[in-house]
Amino acid sequence: EDEDPEKAQEIMNSSKSAESVIDKVDLANYTQLAMYQIHRSGGSELFWHDMINQCGVGLFGSNDPSNQKAVHANIISFAILASFIKIASGKVRIISKDADPVPRDVASKLLSLELLFHFIKMWHTAACPEDLFESNMNSTKATATMIYLIRRMVVPTMLSNTAASIEDCRVYQRVLRITSHLWCNPYYRRKMKVDLAILIEHFVLKILCLGPQIHPSKGSFDHGNIPIVSGEMPSLLNQQVAVLEELKVWFSNPNTALDLYVNYDSPEEMLPSAYCKLLNKLIEALCTLGEKCATIVSDHGRFASFSA
């Protein structure tokens, strides 16, 4: 008789574990379907229909069926997020070799990234209005689903805009601002540890490690206008300035610097070695950049004195 309750509890736990696994598989499948539709669907009406009635219902339809208003709100929020992702993932066309990018494509990409930033910011405000510490978080199934969608959809979209970020500083500034917001928000920082390591490595460290993107002998030292030879890498001076401005925001809060060490540099970290030591790499990159900039300033001042 004493064993029956224990067996019943074991069966119940096994059933919950199985349901959890099934939910995770369904979540991954519907997210993959959404990404497939984002990259293939052409018509806006058909895309919106698919996001709401197929992917949205599949992702959020089983969440708290007693509260249909919340379910509908989550489905609409997902469809809006998917729409922003679709536009932000679009290519910027260039009609001919020497022509400028199509203005409509540029404007669409910039606006979609702005709206994506606004969505990420406002969704957290609506879902977690009293977020100060982890104990205050609303750990509902819908919230966990949306965080998973942000990880699976927003991060790859930002990485896909690498080429556009190099070619247009305005794109880079918006991608960097999304990365910075995700890092500076304690909730996103806790939930997206590996994702943020990849984004910081890709959009922050690599830009700083390029070294100073200005040389007095190649252009104006004051304005950073370096002539671009065909096939050469464009100057990323504005991108580096944008990174330095964001780093000032990061380190204005001691907790962000501490988290950067605890999450990625401490011996207890659990990430792959390729994404470890981010704080150490960041400090090393800043020091190297400062030394090289000082050398350029010194050489420029010496050249100016000789010319005078």
C-alpha atoms as a PDB file:
ATOM      1  CA  GLU A   1       0.000   0.000   0.000  1.00  0.00           C
ATOM      2  CA  ASP A   2       2.859   2.394   0.746  1.00  0.00           C
ATOM      3  CA  GLU A   3       4.383   1.793  -2.681  1.00  0.00           C
ATOM      4  CA  ASP A   4       1.263   2.730  -4.653  1.00  0.00           C
ATOM      5  CA  PRO A   5       1.505   6.499  -4.013  1.00  0.00           C
ATOM      6  CA  GLU A   6       5.192   6.431  -4.922  1.00  0.00           C
ATOM      7  CA  LYS A   7       4.503   4.609  -8.172  1.00  0.00           C
ATOM      8  CA  ALA A   8       1.695   7.014  -8.954  1.00  0.00           C
ATOM      9  CA  GLN A   9       4.044   9.936  -8.355  1.00  0.00           C
ATOM     10  CA  GLU A  10       6.678   8.382 -10.602  1.00  0.00           C
ATOM     11  CA  ILE A  11       4.124   7.862 -13.361  1.00  0.00           C
ATOM     12  CA  MET A  12       2.963  11.444 -12.986  1.00  0.00           C
ATOM     13  CA  ASN A  13       6.524  12.771 -13.153  1.00  0.00           C
ATOM     14  CA  SER A  14       7.254  10.647 -16.216  1.00  0.00           C
ATOM     15  CA  SER A  15       4.085  11.927 -17.867  1.00  0.00           C
ATOM     16  CA  LYS A  16       5.062  15.543 -17.172  1.00  0.00           C
ATOM     17  CA  SER A  17       8.549  14.934 -18.540  1.00  0.00           C
ATOM     18  CA  ALA A  18       7.120  13.406 -21.709  1.00  0.00           C
ATOM     19  CA  GLU A  19       4.729  16.346 -22.159  1.00  0.00           C
ATOM     20  CA  SER A  20       7.605  18.760 -21.652  1.00  0.00           C
ATOM     21  CA  VAL A  21       9.677  17.037 -24.319  1.00  0.00           C
ATOM     22  CA  ILE A  22       6.741  17.035 -26.746  1.00  0.00           C
ATOM     23  CA  ASP A  23       6.156  20.748 -26.111  1.00  0.00           C
ATOM     24  CA  LYS A  24       9.803  21.534 -26.815  1.00  0.00           C
ATOM     25  CA  VAL A  25       9.748  19.546 -30.043  1.00  0.00           C
ATOM     26  CA  ASP A  26       6.556  21.305 -31.158  1.00  0.00           C
ATOM     27  CA  LEU A  27       8.065  24.672 -30.267  1.00  0.00           C
ATOM     28  CA  ALA A  28      11.164  23.971 -32.344  1.00  0.00           C
ATOM     29  CA  ASN A  29       9.112  22.679 -35.291  1.00  0.00           C
ATOM     30  CA  TYR A  30       6.721  25.639 -35.384  1.00  0.00           C
ATOM     31  CA  THR A  31       9.618  28.074 -35.059  1.00  0.00           C
ATOM     32  CA  GLN A  32      11.397  26.377 -37.945  1.00  0.00           C
ATOM     33  CA  LEU A  33       8.193  26.553 -39.990  1.00  0.00           C
ATOM     34  CA  ALA A  34       7.910  30.262 -39.226  1.00  0.00           C
ATOM     35  CA  MET A  35      11.489  30.881 -40.362  1.00  0.00           C
ATOM     36  CA  TYR A  36      10.798  28.921 -43.533  1.00  0.00           C
ATOM     37  CA  GLN A  37       7.717  31.031 -44.258  1.00  0.00           C
ATOM     38  CA  ILE A  38       9.633  34.225 -43.497  1.00  0.00           C
ATOM     39  CA  HIS A  39      12.228  33.426 -46.138  1.00  0.00           C
ATOM     40  CA  ARG A  40       9.859  32.123 -48.811  1.00  0.00           C
ATOM     41  CA  SER A  41       6.453  33.794 -48.491  1.00  0.00           C
ATOM     42  CA  GLY A  42       5.870  36.617 -50.946  1.00  0.00           C
ATOM     43  CA  GLY A  43       2.433  38.135 -50.366  1.00  0.00           C
ATOM     44  CA  SER A  44       1.865  40.102 -47.193  1.00  0.00           C
ATOM     45  CA  GLU A  45      -1.712  38.835 -46.693  1.00  0.00           C
ATOM     46  CA  LEU A  46      -0.714  35.189 -47.147  1.00  0.00           C
ATOM     47  CA  PHE A  47       2.257  35.656 -44.808  1.00  0.00           C
ATOM     48  CA  TRP A  48       0.108  37.261 -42.113  1.00  0.00           C
ATOM     49  CA  HIS A  49      -2.452  34.442 -42.434  1.00  0.00           C
ATOM     50  CA  ASP A  50       0.264  31.781 -42.053  1.00  0.00           C
ATOM     51  CA  MET A  51       1.835  33.469 -39.044  1.00  0.00           C
ATOM     52  CA  ILE A  52      -1.483  33.737 -37.193  1.00  0.00           C
ATOM     53  CA  ASN A  53      -3.396  30.594 -38.159  1.00  0.00           C
ATOM     54  CA  GLN A  54      -0.541  28.119 -38.524  1.00  0.00           C
ATOM     55  CA  CYS A  55       2.564  29.135 -36.611  1.00  0.00           C
ATOM     56  CA  GLY A  56       0.962  31.469 -34.057  1.00  0.00           C
ATOM     57  CA  VAL A  57      -1.808  29.059 -33.075  1.00  0.00           C
ATOM     58  CA  GLY A  58       0.679  26.201 -32.924  1.00  0.00           C
ATOM     59  CA  LEU A  59       3.024  28.160 -30.672  1.00  0.00           C
ATOM     60  CA  PHE A  60       0.539  29.814 -28.317  1.00  0.00           C
ATOM     61  CA  GLY A  61      -2.793  28.062 -28.873  1.00  0.00           C
ATOM     62  CA  SER A  62      -2.277  25.610 -25.988  1.00  0.00           C
ATOM     63  CA  ASN A  63      -1.172  28.294 -23.514  1.00  0.00           C
ATOM     64  CA  ASP A  64      -3.823  28.951 -20.853  1.00  0.00           C
ATOM     65  CA  PRO A  65      -6.939  28.157 -22.955  1.00  0.00           C
ATOM     66  CA  SER A  66      -9.083  29.738 -20.244  1.00  0.00           C
ATOM     67  CA  ASN A  67      -7.666  33.173 -21.129  1.00  0.00           C
ATOM     68  CA  GLN A  68      -8.350  33.538 -24.832  1.00  0.00           C
ATOM     69  CA  LYS A  69      -7.563  37.265 -24.820  1.00  0.00           C
ATOM     70  CA  ALA A  70      -3.982  36.578 -23.666  1.00  0.00           C
ATOM     71  CA  VAL A  71      -3.616  33.788 -26.220  1.00  0.00           C
ATOM     72  CA  HIS A  72      -4.817  36.066 -29.020  1.00  0.00           C
ATOM     73  CA  ALA A  73      -2.502  38.870 -27.860  1.00  0.00           C
ATOM     74  CA  ASN A  74       0.489  36.529 -27.903  1.00  0.00           C
ATOM     75  CA  ILE A  75      -0.382  35.269 -31.379  1.00  0.00           C
ATOM     76  CA  ILE A  76      -0.680  38.806 -32.744  1.00  0.00           C
ATOM     77  CA  SER A  77       2.590  39.787 -31.033  1.00  0.00           C
ATOM     78  CA  PHE A  78       4.331  36.842 -32.663  1.00  0.00           C
ATOM     79  CA  ALA A  79       2.920  37.740 -36.089  1.00  0.00           C
ATOM     80  CA  ILE A  80       4.180  41.315 -35.684  1.00  0.00           C
ATOM     81  CA  LEU A  81       7.622  40.062 -34.642  1.00  0.00           C
ATOM     82  CA  ALA A  82       7.744  37.731 -37.643  1.00  0.00           C
ATOM     83  CA  SER A  83       6.788  40.609 -39.944  1.00  0.00           C
ATOM     84  CA  PHE A  84       9.659  42.741 -38.615  1.00  0.00           C
ATOM     85  CA  ILE A  85      12.040  39.795 -39.004  1.00  0.00           C
ATOM     86  CA  LYS A  86      10.937  39.259 -42.605  1.00  0.00           C
ATOM     87  CA  ILE A  87      11.531  42.884 -43.605  1.00  0.00           C
ATOM     88  CA  ALA A  88      14.818  43.151 -41.699  1.00  0.00           C
ATOM     89  CA  SER A  89      16.068  39.977 -43.425  1.00  0.00           C
ATOM     90  CA  GLY A  90      15.500  41.419 -46.887  1.00  0.00           C
ATOM     91  CA  LYS A  91      18.436  42.237 -49.139  1.00  0.00           C
ATOM     92  CA  VAL A  92      19.353  45.763 -50.164  1.00  0.00           C
ATOM     93  CA  ARG A  93      19.323  45.717 -53.955  1.00  0.00           C
ATOM     94  CA  ILE A  94      21.773  47.554 -56.194  1.00  0.00           C
ATOM     95  CA  ILE A  95      20.434  47.925 -59.728  1.00  0.00           C
ATOM     96  CA  SER A  96      23.775  48.475 -61.475  1.00  0.00           C
ATOM     97  CA  LYS A  97      27.441  48.218 -60.544  1.00  0.00           C
ATOM     98  CA  ASP A  98      28.051  51.911 -59.830  1.00  0.00           C
ATOM     99  CA  ALA A  99      24.536  52.762 -58.632  1.00  0.00           C
ATOM    100  CA  ASP A 100      23.501  53.512 -55.075  1.00  0.00           C
ATOM    101  CA  PRO A 101      21.402  50.986 -53.146  1.00  0.00           C
ATOM    102  CA  VAL A 102      17.676  51.129 -53.805  1.00  0.00           C
ATOM    103  CA  PRO A 103      16.349  53.786 -51.359  1.00  0.00           C
ATOM    104  CA  ARG A 104      13.199  51.785 -50.633  1.00  0.00           C
ATOM    105  CA  ASP A 105      15.233  48.738 -49.560  1.00  0.00           C
ATOM    106  CA  VAL A 106      17.482  50.837 -47.336  1.00  0.00           C
ATOM    107  CA  ALA A 107      14.545  52.625 -45.710  1.00  0.00           C
ATOM    108  CA  SER A 108      12.689  49.337 -45.150  1.00  0.00           C
ATOM    109  CA  LYS A 109      15.691  47.721 -43.474  1.00  0.00           C
ATOM    110  CA  LEU A 110      16.382  50.709 -41.218  1.00  0.00           C
ATOM    111  CA  LEU A 111      12.733  51.037 -40.215  1.00  0.00           C
ATOM    112  CA  SER A 112      12.322  47.299 -39.556  1.00  0.00           C
ATOM    113  CA  LEU A 113      15.382  47.271 -37.290  1.00  0.00           C
ATOM    114  CA  GLU A 114      14.032  50.293 -35.413  1.00  0.00           C
ATOM    115  CA  LEU A 115      10.679  48.537 -34.968  1.00  0.00           C
ATOM    116  CA  LEU A 116      12.420  45.324 -33.908  1.00  0.00           C
ATOM    117  CA  PHE A 117      14.274  47.242 -31.205  1.00  0.00           C
ATOM    118  CA  HIS A 118      11.002  48.837 -30.086  1.00  0.00           C
ATOM    119  CA  PHE A 119       9.258  45.452 -29.995  1.00  0.00           C
ATOM    120  CA  ILE A 120      11.960  43.852 -27.846  1.00  0.00           C
ATOM    121  CA  LYS A 121      11.897  46.790 -25.478  1.00  0.00           C
ATOM    122  CA  MET A 122       8.124  47.064 -25.160  1.00  0.00           C
ATOM    123  CA  TRP A 123       7.455  43.321 -24.980  1.00  0.00           C
ATOM    124  CA  HIS A 124       9.633  43.024 -21.889  1.00  0.00           C
ATOM    125  CA  THR A 125       7.908  46.036 -20.346  1.00  0.00           C
ATOM    126  CA  ALA A 126       4.489  44.467 -20.942  1.00  0.00           C
ATOM    127  CA  ALA A 127       5.390  40.885 -19.971  1.00  0.00           C
ATOM    128  CA  CYS A 128       7.603  41.704 -16.966  1.00  0.00           C
ATOM    129  CA  PRO A 129       6.518  45.100 -15.623  1.00  0.00           C
ATOM    130  CA  GLU A 130       8.176  44.673 -12.235  1.00  0.00           C
ATOM    131  CA  ASP A 131      11.423  43.033 -13.321  1.00  0.00           C
ATOM    132  CA  LEU A 132      14.167  43.863 -10.868  1.00  0.00           C
ATOM    133  CA  PHE A 133      15.291  40.436  -9.769  1.00  0.00           C
ATOM    134  CA  GLU A 134      14.693  36.938 -11.067  1.00  0.00           C
ATOM    135  CA  SER A 135      12.234  36.204  -8.268  1.00  0.00           C
ATOM    136  CA  ASN A 136       9.915  38.843  -9.681  1.00  0.00           C
ATOM    137  CA  MET A 137       9.791  37.336 -13.164  1.00  0.00           C
ATOM    138  CA  ASN A 138       6.616  35.985 -14.699  1.00  0.00           C
ATOM    139  CA  SER A 139       7.730  32.502 -15.761  1.00  0.00           C
ATOM    140  CA  THR A 140       4.627  31.581 -17.736  1.00  0.00           C
ATOM    141  CA  LYS A 141       4.733  29.227 -20.700  1.00  0.00           C
ATOM    142  CA  ALA A 142       3.911  32.073 -23.096  1.00  0.00           C
ATOM    143  CA  THR A 143       6.795  34.169 -21.778  1.00  0.00           C
ATOM    144  CA  ALA A 144       9.234  31.280 -22.163  1.00  0.00           C
ATOM    145  CA  THR A 145       7.947  30.690 -25.702  1.00  0.00           C
ATOM    146  CA  MET A 146       8.471  34.310 -26.716  1.00  0.00           C
ATOM    147  CA  ILE A 147      12.001  34.336 -25.308  1.00  0.00           C
ATOM    148  CA  TYR A 148      12.753  31.207 -27.319  1.00  0.00           C
ATOM    149  CA  LEU A 149      11.392  32.916 -30.445  1.00  0.00           C
ATOM    150  CA  ILE A 150      13.557  35.978 -29.852  1.00  0.00           C
ATOM    151  CA  ARG A 151      16.615  33.761 -29.520  1.00  0.00           C
ATOM    152  CA  ARG A 152      15.814  31.683 -32.605  1.00  0.00           C
ATOM    153  CA  MET A 153      14.570  34.497 -34.858  1.00  0.00           C
ATOM    154  CA  VAL A 154      16.073  37.838 -33.821  1.00  0.00           C
ATOM    155  CA  VAL A 155      19.679  36.718 -33.289  1.00  0.00           C
ATOM    156  CA  PRO A 156      20.054  34.989 -36.711  1.00  0.00           C
ATOM    157  CA  THR A 157      18.441  38.009 -38.367  1.00  0.00           C
ATOM    158  CA  MET A 158      20.999  40.326 -36.805  1.00  0.00           C
ATOM    159  CA  LEU A 159      23.858  38.066 -37.888  1.00  0.00           C
ATOM    160  CA  SER A 160      22.439  37.964 -41.422  1.00  0.00           C
ATOM    161  CA  ASN A 161      22.798  41.751 -41.539  1.00  0.00           C
ATOM    162  CA  THR A 162      26.585  41.639 -41.117  1.00  0.00           C
ATOM    163  CA  ALA A 163      27.316  42.645 -44.717  1.00  0.00           C
ATOM    164  CA  ALA A 164      24.740  45.442 -44.584  1.00  0.00           C
ATOM    165  CA  SER A 165      26.256  46.654 -41.293  1.00  0.00           C
ATOM    166  CA  ILE A 166      29.689  46.921 -42.906  1.00  0.00           C
ATOM    167  CA  GLU A 167      28.365  48.755 -45.939  1.00  0.00           C
ATOM    168  CA  ASP A 168      26.037  51.125 -44.055  1.00  0.00           C
ATOM    169  CA  CYS A 169      26.833  52.429 -40.582  1.00  0.00           C
ATOM    170  CA  ARG A 170      23.152  53.213 -39.991  1.00  0.00           C
ATOM    171  CA  VAL A 171      22.353  49.502 -40.174  1.00  0.00           C
ATOM    172  CA  TYR A 172      25.239  48.704 -37.844  1.00  0.00           C
ATOM    173  CA  GLN A 173      24.113  51.298 -35.308  1.00  0.00           C
ATOM    174  CA  ARG A 174      20.660  49.747 -35.134  1.00  0.00           C
ATOM    175  CA  VAL A 175      21.990  46.197 -34.849  1.00  0.00           C
ATOM    176  CA  LEU A 176      24.387  47.339 -32.139  1.00  0.00           C
ATOM    177  CA  ARG A 177      21.603  49.112 -30.274  1.00  0.00           C
ATOM    178  CA  ILE A 178      19.538  45.902 -30.192  1.00  0.00           C
ATOM    179  CA  THR A 179      22.582  43.983 -28.935  1.00  0.00           C
ATOM    180  CA  SER A 180      23.244  46.630 -26.308  1.00  0.00           C
ATOM    181  CA  HIS A 181      19.647  46.604 -25.095  1.00  0.00           C
ATOM    182  CA  LEU A 182      19.622  42.827 -24.802  1.00  0.00           C
ATOM    183  CA  TRP A 183      22.831  42.970 -22.785  1.00  0.00           C
ATOM    184  CA  CYS A 184      21.855  45.872 -20.532  1.00  0.00           C
ATOM    185  CA  ASN A 185      18.467  44.325 -19.696  1.00  0.00           C
ATOM    186  CA  PRO A 186      19.000  41.915 -16.752  1.00  0.00           C
ATOM    187  CA  TYR A 187      16.226  39.573 -17.867  1.00  0.00           C
ATOM    188  CA  TYR A 188      17.453  39.168 -21.442  1.00  0.00           C
ATOM    189  CA  ARG A 189      21.005  38.888 -20.135  1.00  0.00           C
ATOM    190  CA  ARG A 190      20.013  35.919 -17.975  1.00  0.00           C
ATOM    191  CA  LYS A 191      18.001  34.155 -20.659  1.00  0.00           C
ATOM    192  CA  MET A 192      20.317  34.725 -23.647  1.00  0.00           C
ATOM    193  CA  LYS A 193      23.781  34.006 -22.284  1.00  0.00           C
ATOM    194  CA  VAL A 194      25.175  32.081 -25.251  1.00  0.00           C
ATOM    195  CA  ASP A 195      23.353  34.244 -27.809  1.00  0.00           C
ATOM    196  CA  LEU A 196      24.774  37.447 -26.354  1.00  0.00           C
ATOM    197  CA  ALA A 197      28.262  35.945 -26.284  1.00  0.00           C
ATOM    198  CA  ILE A 198      27.994  35.350 -30.024  1.00  0.00           C
ATOM    199  CA  LEU A 199      26.621  38.836 -30.722  1.00  0.00           C
ATOM    200  CA  ILE A 200      29.273  40.574 -28.605  1.00  0.00           C
ATOM    201  CA  GLU A 201      32.029  38.551 -30.234  1.00  0.00           C
ATOM    202  CA  HIS A 202      30.673  39.293 -33.705  1.00  0.00           C
ATOM    203  CA  PHE A 203      29.546  42.917 -33.575  1.00  0.00           C
ATOM    204  CA  VAL A 204      31.741  44.395 -30.841  1.00  0.00           C
ATOM    205  CA  LEU A 205      35.034  42.555 -30.488  1.00  0.00           C
ATOM    206  CA  LYS A 206      35.658  42.006 -34.190  1.00  0.00           C
ATOM    207  CA  ILE A 207      35.088  45.691 -34.952  1.00  0.00           C
ATOM    208  CA  LEU A 208      37.486  46.797 -32.222  1.00  0.00           C
ATOM    209  CA  CYS A 209      40.140  44.237 -33.229  1.00  0.00           C
ATOM    210  CA  LEU A 210      40.352  45.692 -36.741  1.00  0.00           C
ATOM    211  CA  GLY A 211      42.510  48.509 -35.383  1.00  0.00           C
ATOM    212  CA  PRO A 212      42.091  52.225 -36.145  1.00  0.00           C
ATOM    213  CA  GLN A 213      40.102  52.726 -39.327  1.00  0.00           C
ATOM    214  CA  ILE A 214      41.840  55.989 -40.243  1.00  0.00           C
ATOM    215  CA  HIS A 215      45.302  56.799 -41.512  1.00  0.00           C
ATOM    216  CA  PRO A 216      46.468  60.362 -42.187  1.00  0.00           C
ATOM    217  CA  SER A 217      48.257  59.429 -45.375  1.00  0.00           C
ATOM    218  CA  LYS A 218      45.084  58.010 -46.924  1.00  0.00           C
ATOM    219  CA  GLY A 219      42.595  60.727 -46.187  1.00  0.00           C
ATOM    220  CA  SER A 220      41.397  63.462 -43.861  1.00  0.00           C
ATOM    221  CA  PHE A 221      42.464  62.743 -40.290  1.00  0.00           C
ATOM    222  CA  ASP A 222      39.746  65.032 -38.974  1.00  0.00           C
ATOM    223  CA  HIS A 223      36.823  63.557 -40.859  1.00  0.00           C
ATOM    224  CA  GLY A 224      37.927  59.962 -41.477  1.00  0.00           C
ATOM    225  CA  ASN A 225      37.274  60.169 -45.204  1.00  0.00           C
ATOM    226  CA  ILE A 226      39.399  57.379 -46.631  1.00  0.00           C
ATOM    227  CA  PRO A 227      39.166  56.769 -50.388  1.00  0.00           C
ATOM    228  CA  ILE A 228      37.895  53.257 -51.042  1.00  0.00           C
ATOM    229  CA  VAL A 229      39.716  51.356 -53.756  1.00  0.00           C
ATOM    230  CA  SER A 230      37.556  48.887 -55.647  1.00  0.00           C
ATOM    231  CA  GLY A 231      37.455  45.590 -53.773  1.00  0.00           C
ATOM    232  CA  GLU A 232      38.901  47.034 -50.566  1.00  0.00           C
ATOM    233  CA  MET A 233      37.252  46.879 -47.166  1.00  0.00           C
ATOM    234  CA  PRO A 234      35.447  50.171 -46.414  1.00  0.00           C
ATOM    235  CA  SER A 235      36.527  52.232 -43.446  1.00  0.00           C
ATOM    236  CA  LEU A 236      34.635  51.228 -40.306  1.00  0.00           C
ATOM    237  CA  LEU A 237      35.537  54.334 -38.330  1.00  0.00           C
ATOM    238  CA  ASN A 238      31.895  55.237 -37.651  1.00  0.00           C
ATOM    239  CA  GLN A 239      31.176  51.684 -36.538  1.00  0.00           C
ATOM    240  CA  GLN A 240      34.065  51.808 -34.076  1.00  0.00           C
ATOM    241  CA  VAL A 241      32.872  55.140 -32.684  1.00  0.00           C
ATOM    242  CA  ALA A 242      29.391  53.637 -32.239  1.00  0.00           C
ATOM    243  CA  VAL A 243      30.886  50.678 -30.315  1.00  0.00           C
ATOM    244  CA  LEU A 244      32.819  52.984 -27.997  1.00  0.00           C
ATOM    245  CA  GLU A 245      29.679  54.996 -27.282  1.00  0.00           C
ATOM    246  CA  GLU A 246      27.750  51.833 -26.378  1.00  0.00           C
ATOM    247  CA  LEU A 247      30.574  50.559 -24.179  1.00  0.00           C
ATOM    248  CA  LYS A 248      30.313  53.761 -22.144  1.00  0.00           C
ATOM    249  CA  VAL A 249      26.685  52.804 -21.458  1.00  0.00           C
ATOM    250  CA  TRP A 250      27.605  49.220 -20.597  1.00  0.00           C
ATOM    251  CA  PHE A 251      30.252  50.130 -18.055  1.00  0.00           C
ATOM    252  CA  SER A 252      28.276  52.965 -16.504  1.00  0.00           C
ATOM    253  CA  ASN A 253      26.536  50.174 -14.552  1.00  0.00           C
ATOM    254  CA  PRO A 254      28.998  48.071 -12.507  1.00  0.00           C
ATOM    255  CA  ASN A 255      26.641  45.082 -12.614  1.00  0.00           C
ATOM    256  CA  THR A 256      27.043  44.711 -16.377  1.00  0.00           C
ATOM    257  CA  ALA A 257      30.836  44.598 -16.074  1.00  0.00           C
ATOM    258  CA  LEU A 258      30.552  42.094 -13.227  1.00  0.00           C
ATOM    259  CA  ASP A 259      28.181  39.930 -15.266  1.00  0.00           C
ATOM    260  CA  LEU A 260      30.571  40.080 -18.197  1.00  0.00           C
ATOM    261  CA  TYR A 261      33.254  38.588 -15.982  1.00  0.00           C
ATOM    262  CA  VAL A 262      31.096  36.100 -14.077  1.00  0.00           C
ATOM    263  CA  ASN A 263      29.352  34.765 -17.179  1.00  0.00           C
ATOM    264  CA  TYR A 264      32.292  34.523 -19.559  1.00  0.00           C
ATOM    265  CA  ASP A 265      35.644  34.943 -17.769  1.00  0.00           C
ATOM    266  CA  SER A 266      35.371  33.137 -14.458  1.00  0.00           C
ATOM    267  CA  PRO A 267      36.736  29.578 -14.099  1.00  0.00           C
ATOM    268  CA  GLU A 268      33.200  28.312 -13.412  1.00  0.00           C
ATOM    269  CA  GLU A 269      31.812  29.405 -16.785  1.00  0.00           C
ATOM    270  CA  MET A 270      30.195  26.712 -18.908  1.00  0.00           C
ATOM    271  CA  LEU A 271      30.489  28.203 -22.397  1.00  0.00           C
ATOM    272  CA  PRO A 272      32.797  26.892 -25.143  1.00  0.00           C
ATOM    273  CA  SER A 273      36.299  28.321 -25.027  1.00  0.00           C
ATOM    274  CA  ALA A 274      35.720  30.300 -28.218  1.00  0.00           C
ATOM    275  CA  TYR A 275      33.289  32.546 -26.339  1.00  0.00           C
ATOM    276  CA  CYS A 276      35.132  32.718 -23.032  1.00  0.00           C
ATOM    277  CA  LYS A 277      37.201  35.567 -21.668  1.00  0.00           C
ATOM    278  CA  LEU A 278      34.997  38.244 -23.263  1.00  0.00           C
ATOM    279  CA  LEU A 279      35.916  40.864 -20.674  1.00  0.00           C
ATOM    280  CA  ASN A 280      39.604  40.060 -21.048  1.00  0.00           C
ATOM    281  CA  LYS A 281      39.342  40.209 -24.856  1.00  0.00           C
ATOM    282  CA  LEU A 282      37.408  43.464 -24.675  1.00  0.00           C
ATOM    283  CA  ILE A 283      39.983  45.150 -22.440  1.00  0.00           C
ATOM    284  CA  GLU A 284      42.821  43.867 -24.616  1.00  0.00           C
ATOM    285  CA  ALA A 285      41.139  45.157 -27.786  1.00  0.00           C
ATOM    286  CA  LEU A 286      40.520  48.590 -26.258  1.00  0.00           C
ATOM    287  CA  CYS A 287      44.117  48.877 -25.038  1.00  0.00           C
ATOM    288  CA  THR A 288      45.511  47.855 -28.428  1.00  0.00           C
ATOM    289  CA  LEU A 289      43.198  50.269 -30.208  1.00  0.00           C
ATOM    290  CA  GLY A 290      44.233  53.096 -27.898  1.00  0.00           C
ATOM    291  CA  GLU A 291      47.941  52.425 -28.431  1.00  0.00           C
ATOM    292  CA  LYS A 292      47.569  52.361 -32.216  1.00  0.00           C
ATOM    293  CA  CYS A 293      45.487  55.535 -32.184  1.00  0.00           C
ATOM    294  CA  ALA A 294      48.158  57.263 -30.076  1.00  0.00           C
ATOM    295  CA  THR A 295      50.797  56.231 -32.615  1.00  0.00           C
ATOM    296  CA  ILE A 296      48.733  57.658 -35.479  1.00  0.00           C
ATOM    297  CA  VAL A 297      48.144  60.921 -33.606  1.00  0.00           C
ATOM    298  CA  SER A 298      51.860  61.177 -32.811  1.00  0.00           C
ATOM    299  CA  ASP A 299      52.865  60.508 -36.427  1.00  0.00           C
ATOM    300  CA  HIS A 300      50.295  62.988 -37.698  1.00  0.00           C
ATOM    301  CA  GLY A 301      51.518  65.672 -35.303  1.00  0.00           C
ATOM    302  CA  ARG A 302      55.132  65.062 -36.304  1.00  0.00           C
ATOM    303  CA  PHE A 303      54.217  65.232 -40.016  1.00  0.00           C
ATOM    304  CA  ALA A 304      52.259  68.467 -39.458  1.00  0.00           C
ATOM    305  CA  SER A 305      55.223  70.078 -37.643  1.00  0.00           C
ATOM    306  CA  PHE A 306      57.564  69.141 -40.483  1.00  0.00           C
ATOM    307  CA  SER A 307      55.162  70.572 -43.057  1.00  0.00           C
ATOM    308  CA  ALA A 308      54.923  73.842 -41.133  1.00  0.00           C
END
